[in-house]
């Protein structure tokens, strides 16, 4: 998987947490793990393993936590969908620099 650029695992009935090393690829720019049963928080080290990630969809899971770990990745992320997780009740869409983010307000 060293030269993997796109990974779609949407609606695959994946359960548990998302370990950073499982999607490690310096070439990965697109990651969709939406509509699964992922739980826990996103690893703060994920940005280190996928530094060129531009598009991330983690919507419709059971993830907890906030934006701080994702925004601290200092990556080239331009799209982020975090809707329908255990992050809050109100949905919002906002733009942070080049980042278009869809997420529940905490």
Protein backbone atom coordinates (compact mmCIF):
# COMPACT_ATOMS: atom_id res chain seq x y z
CA UNK A 1 0.00 0.00 0.00
CA UNK A 2 3.00 2.30 -0.19
CA UNK A 3 1.76 4.19 -3.29
CA UNK A 4 -1.94 4.19 -2.41
CA UNK A 5 -3.53 7.55 -3.31
CA UNK A 6 -7.24 6.86 -2.73
CA UNK A 7 -8.99 4.59 -0.23
CA UNK A 8 -12.76 4.18 0.00
CA UNK A 9 -14.07 1.94 2.78
CA UNK A 10 -17.55 3.44 3.02
CA UNK A 11 -20.38 1.16 4.18
CA UNK A 12 -18.07 -1.81 4.87
CA UNK A 13 -19.38 -2.56 8.40
CA UNK A 14 -15.98 -1.73 9.93
CA UNK A 15 -16.09 -1.60 13.73
CA UNK A 16 -13.68 -0.35 16.39
CA UNK A 17 -11.14 2.42 16.23
CA UNK A 18 -9.18 3.69 13.26
CA UNK A 19 -5.49 3.01 13.92
CA UNK A 20 -3.24 5.53 12.17
CA UNK A 21 -0.89 2.92 10.79
CA UNK A 22 -3.69 1.02 9.06
CA UNK A 23 -4.08 3.81 6.49
CA UNK A 24 -0.46 4.93 6.45
CA UNK A 25 0.62 6.13 3.04
CA UNK A 26 2.51 9.33 2.26
CA UNK A 27 0.74 9.41 -1.12
CA UNK A 28 -2.84 9.06 0.21
CA UNK A 29 -4.92 12.11 -0.74
CA UNK A 30 -8.47 10.72 -0.46
CA UNK A 31 -9.87 8.71 2.49
CA UNK A 32 -13.53 7.78 2.93
CA UNK A 33 -14.44 5.63 5.93
CA UNK A 34 -17.99 6.95 6.22
CA UNK A 35 -21.05 4.87 7.11
CA UNK A 36 -19.31 2.31 9.30
CA UNK A 37 -19.29 1.73 13.06
CA UNK A 38 -15.94 3.34 13.89
CA UNK A 39 -15.66 4.47 17.51
CA UNK A 40 -13.23 6.26 19.77
CA UNK A 41 -11.25 9.30 18.72
CA UNK A 42 -9.16 9.93 15.64
CA UNK A 43 -5.49 9.41 16.44
CA UNK A 44 -3.65 12.72 16.64
CA UNK A 45 -0.75 11.03 14.84
CA UNK A 46 -2.88 10.29 11.76
CA UNK A 47 -1.63 13.42 10.00
CA UNK A 48 1.94 12.23 10.39
CA UNK A 49 1.15 8.99 8.55
CA UNK A 50 -0.92 10.60 5.78
CA UNK A 51 0.62 14.08 5.37
CA UNK A 52 -0.82 14.75 1.89
CA UNK A 53 -4.44 13.97 2.74
CA UNK A 54 -6.76 16.43 1.00
CA UNK A 55 -10.20 14.80 1.34
CA UNK A 56 -11.46 13.04 4.49
CA UNK A 57 -14.97 11.69 5.10
CA UNK A 58 -15.53 10.12 8.53
CA UNK A 59 -19.27 10.85 8.64
CA UNK A 60 -21.92 8.47 9.98
CA UNK A 61 -19.79 6.63 12.53
CA UNK A 62 -19.61 6.73 16.35
CA UNK A 63 -16.44 8.81 16.64
CA UNK A 64 -15.91 11.09 19.64
CA UNK A 65 -13.74 14.11 20.29
CA UNK A 66 -13.20 17.40 18.56
CA UNK A 67 -11.53 19.16 15.71
CA UNK A 68 -8.32 19.90 17.57
CA UNK A 69 -6.55 16.68 16.56
CA UNK A 70 -7.55 17.03 12.90
CA UNK A 71 -6.76 20.72 12.61
CA UNK A 72 -3.39 20.17 14.29
CA UNK A 73 -2.33 17.78 11.53
CA UNK A 74 -1.10 20.77 9.54
CA UNK A 75 -1.86 18.90 6.35
CA UNK A 76 -3.16 19.91 2.95
CA UNK A 77 -6.72 18.93 3.95
CA UNK A 78 -9.31 20.79 1.84
CA UNK A 79 -12.47 18.76 2.59
CA UNK A 80 -13.59 17.26 5.90
CA UNK A 81 -16.96 15.64 6.65
CA UNK A 82 -17.54 14.69 10.30
CA UNK A 83 -21.35 14.72 10.39
CA UNK A 84 -23.40 12.20 12.35
CA UNK A 85 -20.85 11.13 14.94
CA UNK A 86 -20.90 11.55 18.73
CA UNK A 87 -19.37 15.00 18.47
CA UNK A 88 -22.40 17.20 19.16
CA UNK A 89 -25.99 17.87 18.12
CA UNK A 90 -25.90 20.87 15.79
CA UNK A 91 -24.57 20.55 12.26
CA UNK A 92 -22.60 23.27 10.58
CA UNK A 93 -20.55 23.85 7.49
CA UNK A 94 -17.68 26.29 7.50
CA UNK A 95 -14.55 27.18 5.64
CA UNK A 96 -11.20 27.39 7.42
CA UNK A 97 -8.68 28.75 4.94
CA UNK A 98 -8.79 26.19 2.15
CA UNK A 99 -10.63 23.67 4.34
CA UNK A 100 -14.35 23.11 3.80
CA UNK A 101 -15.55 21.38 6.96
CA UNK A 102 -18.87 19.75 7.70
CA UNK A 103 -19.12 18.88 11.35
CA UNK A 104 -21.35 19.07 14.41
CA UNK A 105 -20.78 22.12 16.57
CA UNK A 106 -19.45 21.18 20.01
